[in-house]
Protein backbone atom coordinates (compact mmCIF):
# COMPACT_ATOMS: atom_id res chain seq x y z
CA MET A 1 -45.75 -17.40 148.94
CA GLY A 2 -44.35 -20.80 148.13
CA ALA A 3 -40.58 -21.14 148.02
CA ARG A 4 -37.99 -23.52 146.68
CA SER A 5 -34.52 -23.89 148.11
CA ILE A 6 -31.59 -24.20 145.71
CA GLU A 7 -28.08 -24.24 147.16
CA GLY A 8 -29.33 -22.76 150.41
CA ARG A 9 -31.19 -19.84 148.76
CA GLU A 10 -34.96 -19.43 148.80
CA TYR A 11 -36.61 -18.75 145.44
CA ALA A 12 -40.27 -17.79 145.12
CA MET A 13 -42.27 -20.28 143.09
CA ALA A 14 -45.87 -19.16 143.69
CA VAL A 15 -47.81 -16.10 144.74
CA ASN A 16 -50.91 -16.69 146.83
CA CYS A 17 -54.14 -14.72 146.63
CA PRO A 18 -54.59 -12.90 149.95
CA ARG A 19 -58.36 -13.39 149.86
CA CYS A 20 -58.76 -17.10 149.06
CA GLY A 21 -55.20 -18.46 149.14
CA ALA A 22 -55.13 -19.71 145.53
CA GLY A 23 -51.58 -20.06 144.20
CA PHE A 24 -50.25 -18.60 140.95
CA ASP A 25 -46.95 -19.45 139.26
CA VAL A 26 -44.56 -16.49 139.33
CA THR A 27 -44.09 -16.71 135.55
CA LEU A 28 -47.62 -15.27 135.20
CA PHE A 29 -46.29 -12.01 136.65
CA GLN A 30 -43.60 -11.33 134.05
CA PHE A 31 -43.35 -7.76 132.76
CA GLY A 32 -45.14 -6.50 135.88
CA HIS A 33 -48.56 -7.87 134.97
CA GLY A 34 -51.08 -8.89 137.59
CA VAL A 35 -53.53 -11.77 137.64
CA ARG A 36 -57.23 -11.74 138.49
CA CYS A 37 -58.06 -14.60 140.86
CA GLU A 38 -61.28 -16.58 140.50
CA CYS A 39 -62.52 -14.91 143.72
CA GLY A 40 -62.25 -11.49 142.01
CA GLN A 41 -59.12 -10.26 143.83
CA TRP A 42 -56.41 -8.60 141.70
CA VAL A 43 -53.04 -10.16 142.62
CA GLU A 44 -49.76 -8.46 141.73
CA LEU A 45 -46.18 -9.51 142.36
CA CYS A 46 -44.58 -6.06 142.62
CA THR A 47 -47.03 -4.39 145.03
CA GLY A 48 -47.08 -6.76 147.95
CA HIS A 49 -49.43 -9.21 146.23
CA VAL A 50 -52.58 -7.18 146.94
CA ALA A 51 -54.16 -4.52 144.77
CA PRO A 52 -57.73 -3.64 143.89
CA ALA A 53 -58.84 -4.94 140.54
CA PRO A 54 -58.64 -2.35 137.75
CA GLY A 55 -62.02 -0.73 137.28
CA ILE A 56 -63.35 -2.01 140.61
CA SER A 57 -63.47 0.16 143.71
CA ARG A 58 -62.62 -1.13 147.17
CA GLU A 59 -66.34 -1.54 147.90
CA GLY A 60 -66.68 -3.85 144.88
CA GLU A 61 -68.71 -1.34 142.85
CA GLN A 62 -67.85 -0.96 139.19
CA MET A 63 -66.22 2.40 138.50
CA ALA A 64 -67.04 4.21 135.29
CA GLU A 65 -64.33 4.99 132.77
CA VAL A 66 -64.43 7.77 130.21
CA GLU A 67 -62.24 7.44 127.13
CA LEU A 68 -59.61 10.16 127.33
CA GLY A 69 -57.18 9.53 124.47
CA LYS A 70 -54.25 7.34 123.50
CA ILE A 71 -50.54 6.89 124.14
CA THR A 72 -48.53 8.43 121.32
CA HIS A 73 -45.07 7.67 122.69
CA TYR A 74 -43.39 6.06 125.71
CA PHE A 75 -40.02 7.31 126.95
CA SER A 76 -38.62 4.20 128.64
CA LYS A 77 -35.52 5.76 130.21
CA ILE A 78 -37.57 8.25 132.23
CA GLY A 79 -40.84 6.27 132.47
CA VAL A 80 -43.01 8.96 130.87
CA ALA A 81 -45.96 8.43 128.54
CA ALA A 82 -47.04 11.01 125.98
CA ILE A 83 -50.83 11.10 125.83
CA GLU A 84 -52.91 12.77 123.14
CA ILE A 85 -56.17 13.90 124.71
CA THR A 86 -59.06 13.41 122.28
CA GLN A 87 -62.03 13.63 124.68
CA ASP A 88 -62.82 15.13 128.10
CA SER A 89 -60.06 16.70 130.21
CA LEU A 90 -57.31 15.48 132.52
CA ALA A 91 -56.31 17.11 135.81
CA VAL A 92 -53.71 16.47 138.49
CA GLY A 93 -55.26 14.08 141.02
CA ASP A 94 -57.28 12.10 138.46
CA THR A 95 -56.87 8.35 138.08
CA ILE A 96 -56.35 6.94 134.62
CA HIS A 97 -56.56 3.41 133.25
CA ILE A 98 -54.05 2.54 130.53
CA LYS A 99 -55.11 -0.49 128.51
CA GLY A 100 -53.62 -2.13 125.45
CA HIS A 101 -52.68 -5.56 124.13
CA THR A 102 -50.08 -6.10 126.84
CA SER A 103 -50.71 -3.11 129.13
CA ASP A 104 -53.48 -2.91 131.72
CA PHE A 105 -52.92 -0.77 134.81
CA LEU A 106 -54.32 2.08 136.85
CA GLN A 107 -52.24 5.21 137.34
CA HIS A 108 -52.76 8.19 139.67
CA VAL A 109 -51.83 11.45 137.92
CA ASP A 110 -49.33 13.28 140.14
CA SER A 111 -48.18 15.82 137.54
CA ILE A 112 -48.88 16.83 133.97
CA GLN A 113 -46.43 18.52 131.62
CA ILE A 114 -47.00 20.22 128.30
CA ASP A 115 -43.83 21.16 126.40
CA GLY A 116 -41.76 20.80 129.59
CA GLN A 117 -44.02 23.09 131.64
CA SER A 118 -46.09 21.77 134.55
CA VAL A 119 -49.83 22.36 134.27
CA ASP A 120 -52.77 21.47 136.49
CA GLU A 121 -55.18 20.52 133.72
CA ALA A 122 -55.15 19.54 130.04
CA THR A 123 -58.03 19.57 127.59
CA VAL A 124 -59.00 18.16 124.19
CA GLY A 125 -56.37 18.56 121.49
CA GLN A 126 -53.39 18.80 123.84
CA SER A 127 -50.55 16.29 124.11
CA VAL A 128 -49.24 15.83 127.64
CA GLY A 129 -46.46 13.94 129.38
CA ILE A 130 -47.23 11.89 132.49
CA LYS A 131 -44.88 9.82 134.64
CA VAL A 132 -46.19 6.25 134.72
CA ALA A 133 -45.37 3.33 137.00
CA GLU A 134 -45.47 0.65 134.30
CA HIS A 135 -44.46 0.33 130.66
CA ALA A 136 -46.99 1.84 128.29
CA ARG A 137 -47.02 1.31 124.55
CA GLU A 138 -47.98 3.44 121.57
CA HIS A 139 -51.68 3.18 120.68
CA ASP A 140 -52.67 2.01 124.20
CA ALA A 141 -56.05 3.48 125.11
CA VAL A 142 -56.23 5.87 128.06
CA TYR A 143 -59.39 6.13 130.15
CA LYS A 144 -60.20 8.48 133.02
CA VAL A 145 -61.67 6.64 136.01
CA VAL A 146 -64.67 8.47 137.49
CA GLN A 147 -66.30 7.57 140.79
């Protein structure tokens, strides 16, 4: 990571790709977004600068995604997204991909709640609450990642 010294303090100015070393200006990482390097590596500021690219497994194989539903509400104070399931089913342990105009991240499902009660699985027609790591927005599409 490149740094700049102002009044004796170090400030980060660039984030380097761990695979090829390409530098990216830190302003590209605002709002927690990552950047895909030309070499294919997904670079993120908040997770130690290394993360697999969304939709790509560690082996480089494309992972399939099944449309699951959409975000109907985001509760910012508690970091929970309300998801309306319109296709397939969602279970604890699944990985989902939330994608919208400004959102694009993978999320492991650690717990699912329906009307304040924890459940292990949700099916079509149900609205669920899931704790998410990043900001989600209404109308963002939700996909289930399948191996």
